[in-house]
Amino acid sequence: MKLLIKVESVVSVFKIGGIKMSIAVDFDGVLAEYSHAKAVLFTGRPIYKMIDRVKLWISEGRKVVIFTARADNPIEIAIIKRWCKKYIGEELPVTNKKSRLFTEFWDDKAVPIKMNTGAIWDRAEKLEGK
């Protein structure tokens, strides 16, 4: 008998040593519109499709972390946290450090690679769990 498990339901409860796994979400171009001309100390308008997705994850008990290059500046971190409070309803952790606790990266620049192969995931394969 084959057991098929929807990945989303597993991720929401997946823990290592009692620590909840996290979804890493890029800020510029993913949660907020991005303009190269205004990048420093500026936040773009919210991208509501992604905002709604993050709110859903949080309501399901998932941990969401903002993963951005801006996190090397404490002022930028404060600006992003304030933006998250305004549009998501709560401050989210902001980092530029990769963690083993990240189960997913949502980023406009990332290319998904099959682990240990160097092969690029086909979007359809990824969605089907192959």
Protein backbone atom coordinates (compact mmCIF):
# COMPACT_ATOMS: atom_id res chain seq x y z
CA MET A 1 0.00 0.00 0.00
CA LYS A 2 1.36 3.43 -0.96
CA LEU A 3 0.95 6.25 1.49
CA LEU A 4 0.67 9.66 -0.12
CA ILE A 5 1.09 12.67 2.15
CA LYS A 6 0.49 16.22 1.05
CA VAL A 7 3.72 18.13 1.76
CA GLU A 8 1.96 21.22 3.16
CA SER A 9 0.37 19.23 5.98
CA VAL A 10 3.68 17.63 6.95
CA VAL A 11 5.63 20.89 7.00
CA SER A 12 3.18 22.59 9.36
CA VAL A 13 3.86 20.09 12.14
CA PHE A 14 7.44 19.05 11.32
CA LYS A 15 9.79 19.59 14.24
CA ILE A 16 13.36 18.65 15.04
CA GLY A 17 14.07 18.19 18.74
CA GLY A 18 10.87 20.08 19.55
CA ILE A 19 11.87 23.06 17.36
CA LYS A 20 9.37 24.00 14.66
CA MET A 21 10.72 24.14 11.12
CA SER A 22 10.45 27.48 9.28
CA ILE A 23 9.50 28.79 5.87
CA ALA A 24 11.95 31.45 4.66
CA VAL A 25 10.40 34.23 2.55
CA ASP A 26 12.36 36.91 0.72
CA PHE A 27 11.19 40.47 1.25
CA ASP A 28 11.97 42.60 -1.82
CA GLY A 29 10.12 41.42 -4.90
CA VAL A 30 8.29 38.65 -3.01
CA LEU A 31 6.40 40.26 -0.10
CA ALA A 32 6.91 43.88 -1.15
CA GLU A 33 7.29 45.43 -4.58
CA TYR A 34 10.91 46.21 -5.36
CA SER A 35 12.50 49.15 -7.14
CA HIS A 36 16.29 49.26 -7.52
CA ALA A 37 16.17 53.04 -7.31
CA LYS A 38 14.57 53.05 -3.86
CA ALA A 39 15.98 49.91 -2.21
CA VAL A 40 17.75 51.35 0.85
CA LEU A 41 15.53 52.38 3.79
CA PHE A 42 12.46 52.01 1.59
CA THR A 43 9.77 49.34 1.47
CA GLY A 44 7.56 48.78 -1.53
CA ARG A 45 3.84 48.24 -1.67
CA PRO A 46 2.63 44.88 -0.39
CA ILE A 47 2.16 41.97 -2.79
CA TYR A 48 -1.15 40.75 -1.41
CA LYS A 49 -1.09 37.31 -3.04
CA MET A 50 2.05 36.53 -1.03
CA ILE A 51 0.84 38.37 2.08
CA ASP A 52 -2.29 36.18 2.08
CA ARG A 53 -0.15 33.06 1.68
CA VAL A 54 2.03 34.03 4.66
CA LYS A 55 -1.05 34.80 6.79
CA LEU A 56 -2.44 31.37 5.91
CA TRP A 57 0.78 29.65 6.93
CA ILE A 58 0.81 31.51 10.24
CA SER A 59 -2.84 30.60 10.89
CA GLU A 60 -1.89 26.94 10.30
CA GLY A 61 0.79 27.22 12.99
CA ARG A 62 3.77 27.40 10.67
CA LYS A 63 6.75 29.61 11.48
CA VAL A 64 7.65 32.17 8.82
CA VAL A 65 10.99 33.99 8.71
CA ILE A 66 11.89 36.92 6.46
CA PHE A 67 15.14 36.01 4.67
CA THR A 68 16.70 39.10 3.10
CA ALA A 69 20.09 40.61 2.31
CA ARG A 70 18.87 43.76 4.10
CA ALA A 71 19.24 41.99 7.46
CA ASP A 72 22.85 43.12 7.78
CA ASN A 73 21.52 46.56 8.81
CA PRO A 74 19.62 46.93 12.13
CA ILE A 75 17.68 49.92 10.77
CA GLU A 76 16.50 47.87 7.77
CA ILE A 77 15.47 45.03 10.10
CA ALA A 78 13.35 47.43 12.15
CA ILE A 79 11.75 48.85 8.99
CA ILE A 80 10.88 45.37 7.70
CA LYS A 81 9.48 44.27 11.07
CA ARG A 82 7.29 47.38 11.20
CA TRP A 83 6.13 46.68 7.63
CA CYS A 84 5.25 43.08 8.58
CA LYS A 85 3.27 44.29 11.60
CA LYS A 86 1.30 46.66 9.38
CA TYR A 87 0.53 44.25 6.52
CA ILE A 88 0.79 40.76 8.03
CA GLY A 89 -0.46 41.64 11.50
CA GLU A 90 2.66 40.69 13.43
CA GLU A 91 6.40 41.21 13.41
CA LEU A 92 8.27 38.32 11.85
CA PRO A 93 11.88 37.34 12.48
CA VAL A 94 14.25 38.88 9.90
CA THR A 95 17.57 37.28 8.98
CA ASN A 96 20.15 36.87 6.23
CA LYS A 97 21.53 33.66 7.74
CA LYS A 98 20.53 30.33 6.23
CA SER A 99 19.26 27.77 8.74
CA ARG A 100 18.80 24.00 8.72
CA LEU A 101 15.37 24.72 10.13
CA PHE A 102 14.24 26.28 6.83
CA THR A 103 12.13 23.75 4.94
CA GLU A 104 11.37 26.10 2.05
CA PHE A 105 12.73 29.29 0.50
CA TRP A 106 10.29 31.56 -1.31
CA ASP A 107 12.43 33.86 -3.43
CA ASP A 108 12.14 35.59 -6.80
CA LYS A 109 15.73 34.74 -7.74
CA ALA A 110 16.13 31.14 -6.55
CA VAL A 111 16.39 28.21 -8.95
CA PRO A 112 15.18 24.94 -7.39
CA ILE A 113 17.75 22.13 -7.61
CA LYS A 114 17.19 18.41 -6.98
CA MET A 115 19.20 17.48 -3.90
CA ASN A 116 22.53 15.77 -4.55
CA THR A 117 22.16 15.90 -8.34
CA GLY A 118 22.71 19.43 -9.61
CA ALA A 119 19.63 18.95 -11.81
CA ILE A 120 17.05 21.71 -11.98
CA TRP A 121 13.57 20.80 -10.71
CA ASP A 122 10.84 20.97 -13.28
CA ARG A 123 8.00 22.97 -11.70
CA ALA A 124 5.47 20.22 -12.46
CA GLU A 125 7.72 17.57 -10.86
CA LYS A 126 8.16 19.70 -7.74
CA LEU A 127 4.40 20.20 -7.36
CA GLU A 128 3.76 16.49 -7.83
CA GLY A 129 6.41 15.55 -5.26
CA LYS A 130 8.64 13.54 -7.62
